[in-house]
Every structure is written in C-alpha cells, then in structure tokens.
Amino acid sequence: MKDINIQEHFAKQASDYEALMTRLVPQYLEQHKIISDLLPSDKSKNYRVLDLGCGNGILSEIVLKKLPNSHITGFDITTEMLDAYEQKISKYTKNYKLIQGDYKIDSIGESYDIILTGMTLHHLNWEERKVFYQKLFNSANQNAVYISNDIIIDEDTHVKEHQYLLWKQFMKEQGEDPEFWYEKHIEKDFPIVLSNHFDWLKEVGFQQSACYWRMYNFAITSTIKV
C-alpha cells in the first residue's frame, strides 16, 4: 500500500480507533495491563517517552496512569489521529508534544527512557524494519525500555495458517468482515516472526529481549538498551 493510502486509511479510523481495535485484535484491552506491568515502577521520575504511531493515545494514557510525571512525545502520520490523541491526553497532562511525520524518513527525536510501538511497525518491510531498529536504538537513553505490541506470525506455515483462521473467527464473532480485514492486512502489512524480531534487536545492541504475551498472530515484547 502506498504511503498516501496508509495516511487516508488511518485518518478514516481516527474517530473510532479504540473501539475498532477491540473488534480486530484479540484481548486488546487486556494487553494494556501487561504493557503497564512492563513499564518502570518509579512514579516520581520524569521519564521521557516516545509513543510511536501513537494513534489516539491509548498507550500514552497507560504510561501517564502509572508514571504521571512522564513527558510524552506522540508521533503519528495523520493530523486526525493526533487530534484524537490530544483530546485524550490533555485530560492527564500538558507535558507532551505531538509530531506529525513518517517515521521511516523523519526524525523521531532522542534521549527517550521508554519507547512504545503499538500495532505500527508491521507497516515496514523487512529491510526497512532492520534499519529502523537501529534508529530506535539511537534514540534511546542507556537502560531505556522498548515495548512493542504488534503482528507476529509463527515460523511454521501450518501454525501460521491456523492462527490466521482463529483470528478471522474472532473478528467474525465481533461483527467484522474477516476477509475484508485479512485482505487489508495482506495488502499493507509485513509481519515478522519472533526470531527475526529478537535477532534484529540484538544486532543493533538491545538486550534481554523477551515475549510477554502472545495470542494468534499478535505478541507483546520488551527489550532494554543496556
């Protein structure tokens, strides 16, 4: 999918993003407890946080509920999503900034203590993703934590096909058209397997990578810049 089509795709979703995700991603809301548990625990510290592909700010909200003194940078490709983000996050803090851009080519900032990528990096092809992990590493402070929830497929073809079948069944049960969303996924996404993910993170310098939740073709992982 061309970049302009990706922008249009997400601009249309901005007003219904969170509700839509609960219908497309299994245990979407339950994942937030796991992400919160993976965050640092010092509530007094002023963490610098990057919420990359921030959407309507749901991951930033998780951070601010646990770490209220954090400074958040919300980065997204569409003004519609950033508008939705501001409506949500301004209720919690004024200590944030918004950046509209394409993280493949634009600066994402630097000196972050926490980096979050929620359902976004699968839009990068494999070569772009390998390069982008270096960009994430360079933007992080020492001992920064990087948490990702994303589309992760299984290495075994038969398992992968079964996972997709279960995903389609889940979407159908939520009242969505599974074939429509599966075709969108095949058209615009480049999912990876966990071994790729961990190997590429290690190559650029991240350590202690681990998977903390997985269901069907989705996973939550965490790693540290030691």
Protein backbone atom coordinates (compact mmCIF):
# COMPACT_ATOMS: atom_id res chain seq x y z
CA MET A 1 0.00 0.00 0.00
CA LYS A 2 1.40 3.40 -0.93
CA ASP A 3 2.15 5.83 1.91
CA ILE A 4 -0.64 8.23 0.89
CA ASN A 5 -3.16 5.36 1.10
CA ILE A 6 -1.89 4.45 4.56
CA GLN A 7 -2.47 8.04 5.68
CA GLU A 8 -6.01 8.00 4.29
CA HIS A 9 -6.66 4.60 5.86
CA PHE A 10 -5.78 5.76 9.38
CA ALA A 11 -7.35 9.19 9.01
CA LYS A 12 -10.70 7.47 8.45
CA GLN A 13 -10.23 5.34 11.59
CA ALA A 14 -9.34 8.17 13.98
CA SER A 15 -12.80 8.74 15.47
CA ASP A 16 -13.47 5.03 16.12
CA TYR A 17 -9.93 3.74 16.56
CA GLU A 18 -10.08 2.25 20.04
CA ALA A 19 -13.47 0.59 19.60
CA LEU A 20 -12.37 -0.78 16.23
CA MET A 21 -9.20 -2.26 17.69
CA THR A 22 -11.19 -4.20 20.30
CA ARG A 23 -13.04 -5.82 17.40
CA LEU A 24 -9.90 -6.59 15.38
CA VAL A 25 -7.29 -7.54 17.97
CA PRO A 26 -7.94 -10.36 20.48
CA GLN A 27 -7.67 -9.28 24.13
CA TYR A 28 -6.83 -5.74 23.04
CA LEU A 29 -7.83 -4.16 26.34
CA GLU A 30 -6.34 -6.99 28.40
CA GLN A 31 -2.99 -6.31 26.75
CA HIS A 32 -2.84 -2.93 28.44
CA LYS A 33 -2.34 -4.50 31.88
CA ILE A 34 0.67 -6.40 30.54
CA ILE A 35 2.14 -3.27 28.93
CA SER A 36 1.64 -1.35 32.17
CA ASP A 37 3.41 -4.10 34.13
CA LEU A 38 6.41 -3.87 31.78
CA LEU A 39 6.85 -0.15 32.42
CA PRO A 40 9.34 1.08 35.06
CA SER A 41 7.94 1.45 38.56
CA ASP A 42 9.40 4.74 39.82
CA LYS A 43 6.35 7.02 39.81
CA SER A 44 8.38 10.08 40.83
CA LYS A 45 10.75 10.03 37.85
CA ASN A 46 10.30 12.30 34.84
CA TYR A 47 10.58 9.67 32.12
CA ARG A 48 10.94 10.80 28.52
CA VAL A 49 8.58 8.64 26.48
CA LEU A 50 8.13 8.11 22.74
CA ASP A 51 4.73 6.78 21.67
CA LEU A 52 5.46 5.95 18.04
CA GLY A 53 2.46 5.51 15.78
CA CYS A 54 0.54 6.83 18.77
CA GLY A 55 -2.95 6.71 17.27
CA ASN A 56 -5.47 8.14 19.71
CA GLY A 57 -3.03 7.95 22.63
CA ILE A 58 -4.14 4.80 24.37
CA LEU A 59 -0.58 3.66 25.16
CA SER A 60 0.38 7.14 26.37
CA GLU A 61 -2.64 7.00 28.65
CA ILE A 62 -1.34 3.74 30.13
CA VAL A 63 2.02 5.40 30.81
CA LEU A 64 0.51 8.50 32.42
CA LYS A 65 -1.75 6.48 34.71
CA LYS A 66 1.31 4.67 36.09
CA LEU A 67 4.02 7.31 35.63
CA PRO A 68 2.25 10.68 35.85
CA ASN A 69 5.43 12.79 35.74
CA SER A 70 6.43 11.50 32.33
CA HIS A 71 6.98 13.71 29.32
CA ILE A 72 5.33 12.14 26.28
CA THR A 73 6.09 12.58 22.59
CA GLY A 74 3.22 11.35 20.42
CA PHE A 75 4.27 10.63 16.84
CA ASP A 76 1.79 9.77 14.10
CA ILE A 77 1.33 10.17 10.37
CA THR A 78 -2.11 11.82 10.35
CA THR A 79 -3.47 15.02 11.85
CA GLU A 80 -6.75 13.25 12.60
CA MET A 81 -5.04 10.74 14.90
CA LEU A 82 -3.02 13.48 16.59
CA ASP A 83 -6.20 15.47 17.18
CA ALA A 84 -7.77 12.40 18.81
CA TYR A 85 -4.57 11.92 20.84
CA GLU A 86 -4.68 15.48 22.15
CA GLN A 87 -8.30 15.16 23.20
CA LYS A 88 -7.42 12.08 25.26
CA ILE A 89 -4.03 13.01 26.72
CA SER A 90 -4.68 16.67 27.56
CA LYS A 91 -7.01 15.37 30.31
CA TYR A 92 -3.98 13.90 32.08
CA THR A 93 -1.12 16.28 31.44
CA LYS A 94 0.14 19.26 29.48
CA ASN A 95 3.60 17.72 29.48
CA TYR A 96 3.52 16.31 25.98
CA LYS A 97 4.29 17.25 22.40
CA LEU A 98 2.99 15.97 19.09
CA ILE A 99 4.93 15.26 15.93
CA GLN A 100 3.28 14.54 12.60
CA GLY A 101 5.53 12.66 10.24
CA ASP A 102 6.62 9.46 8.58
CA TYR A 103 8.94 7.69 10.99
CA LYS A 104 10.64 5.87 8.12
CA ILE A 105 12.22 9.13 6.93
CA ASP A 106 11.60 11.80 9.59
CA SER A 107 13.40 12.35 12.88
CA ILE A 108 11.72 10.66 15.85
CA GLY A 109 13.64 12.62 18.48
CA GLU A 110 16.18 11.38 21.01
CA SER A 111 17.02 10.71 24.65
CA TYR A 112 13.98 8.56 25.42
CA ASP A 113 13.71 6.41 28.55
CA ILE A 114 10.68 4.49 27.28
CA ILE A 115 9.74 3.72 23.67
CA LEU A 116 6.36 2.26 22.73
CA THR A 117 5.33 1.00 19.30
CA GLY A 118 1.72 -0.16 19.24
CA MET A 119 0.46 -2.00 16.16
CA THR A 120 2.58 0.03 13.77
CA LEU A 121 5.96 -1.45 12.78
CA HIS A 122 4.34 -4.16 10.66
CA HIS A 123 3.88 -1.40 8.05
CA LEU A 124 7.65 -1.53 7.43
CA ASN A 125 9.01 -4.12 5.05
CA TRP A 126 11.71 -6.39 6.42
CA GLU A 127 14.68 -4.35 5.19
CA GLU A 128 13.13 -1.12 6.43
CA ARG A 129 12.46 -2.70 9.79
CA LYS A 130 16.01 -3.90 10.29
CA VAL A 131 17.27 -0.39 9.59
CA PHE A 132 14.60 1.16 11.79
CA TYR A 133 15.64 -0.85 14.84
CA GLN A 134 18.96 0.99 14.69
CA LYS A 135 17.03 4.28 14.60
CA LEU A 136 15.11 3.25 17.71
CA PHE A 137 18.31 2.22 19.47
CA ASN A 138 19.99 5.54 18.65
CA SER A 139 17.01 7.48 20.02
CA ALA A 140 17.07 5.69 23.39
CA ASN A 141 18.93 6.56 26.59
CA GLN A 142 21.03 3.96 28.38
CA ASN A 143 18.77 1.49 30.23
CA ALA A 144 15.76 2.58 28.20
CA VAL A 145 12.98 0.04 27.79
CA TYR A 146 11.37 -0.61 24.41
CA ILE A 147 7.91 -2.24 24.47
CA SER A 148 6.14 -3.38 21.33
CA ASN A 149 2.75 -4.92 20.65
CA ASP A 150 2.48 -5.96 17.05
CA ILE A 151 1.56 -8.57 14.49
CA ILE A 152 3.89 -11.55 14.91
CA ILE A 153 3.40 -14.65 12.77
CA ASP A 154 4.62 -18.15 13.51
CA GLU A 155 7.58 -19.64 11.68
CA ASP A 156 5.69 -22.86 10.98
CA THR A 157 3.44 -22.43 7.93
CA HIS A 158 0.70 -24.71 9.26
CA VAL A 159 0.65 -22.96 12.63
CA LYS A 160 0.56 -19.58 10.93
CA GLU A 161 -2.41 -20.61 8.80
CA HIS A 162 -4.24 -21.91 11.87
CA GLN A 163 -3.53 -18.67 13.74
CA TYR A 164 -5.00 -16.65 10.86
CA LEU A 165 -8.06 -18.91 10.85
CA LEU A 166 -8.59 -18.26 14.57
CA TRP A 167 -8.08 -14.52 14.04
CA LYS A 168 -10.72 -14.47 11.31
CA GLN A 169 -13.09 -16.37 13.56
CA PHE A 170 -12.53 -13.82 16.33
CA MET A 171 -13.27 -10.86 14.01
CA LYS A 172 -16.41 -12.53 12.69
CA GLU A 173 -17.64 -13.02 16.26
CA GLN A 174 -17.15 -9.28 16.84
CA GLY A 175 -19.34 -8.42 13.86
CA GLU A 176 -16.48 -7.54 11.49
CA ASP A 177 -15.88 -8.88 7.98
CA PRO A 178 -12.82 -11.11 8.47
CA GLU A 179 -11.98 -11.43 4.78
CA PHE A 180 -12.02 -7.64 4.32
CA TRP A 181 -9.55 -7.09 7.15
CA TYR A 182 -7.41 -10.07 6.21
CA GLU A 183 -7.05 -8.71 2.66
CA LYS A 184 -6.14 -5.28 4.08
CA HIS A 185 -3.52 -6.98 6.22
CA ILE A 186 -2.03 -8.91 3.29
CA GLU A 187 -2.03 -5.77 1.14
CA LYS A 188 -0.27 -3.37 3.51
CA ASP A 189 1.49 -5.32 6.27
CA PHE A 190 4.86 -7.06 6.57
CA PRO A 191 4.62 -9.23 9.70
CA ILE A 192 7.73 -10.92 11.07
CA VAL A 193 8.44 -13.91 13.28
CA LEU A 194 9.81 -13.64 16.81
CA SER A 195 13.25 -14.95 15.88
CA ASN A 196 13.65 -12.16 13.29
CA HIS A 197 12.44 -9.60 15.81
CA PHE A 198 14.84 -10.68 18.55
CA ASP A 199 17.81 -11.20 16.21
CA TRP A 200 17.45 -7.72 14.68
CA LEU A 201 17.08 -6.10 18.10
CA LYS A 202 20.24 -7.86 19.30
CA GLU A 203 22.17 -6.87 16.17
CA VAL A 204 21.71 -3.16 16.91
CA GLY A 205 22.51 -3.51 20.63
CA PHE A 206 19.27 -4.20 22.52
CA GLN A 207 19.44 -6.92 25.17
CA GLN A 208 17.17 -9.04 27.37
CA SER A 209 14.51 -9.34 24.67
CA ALA A 210 11.50 -11.43 25.62
CA CYS A 211 7.91 -12.15 24.66
CA TYR A 212 5.43 -11.48 27.49
CA TRP A 213 2.13 -12.20 25.76
CA ARG A 214 1.10 -13.93 22.56
CA MET A 215 -2.23 -14.87 21.03
CA TYR A 216 -2.79 -15.98 17.45
CA ASN A 217 -0.76 -13.62 15.23
CA PHE A 218 -0.17 -10.92 17.87
CA ALA A 219 2.52 -10.51 20.54
CA ILE A 220 3.86 -8.13 23.20
CA THR A 221 7.64 -7.98 23.57
CA SER A 222 10.08 -5.95 25.61
CA THR A 223 13.80 -5.24 25.36
CA ILE A 224 16.35 -2.96 27.03
CA LYS A 225 19.22 -0.77 25.88
CA VAL A 226 21.78 -1.86 28.46
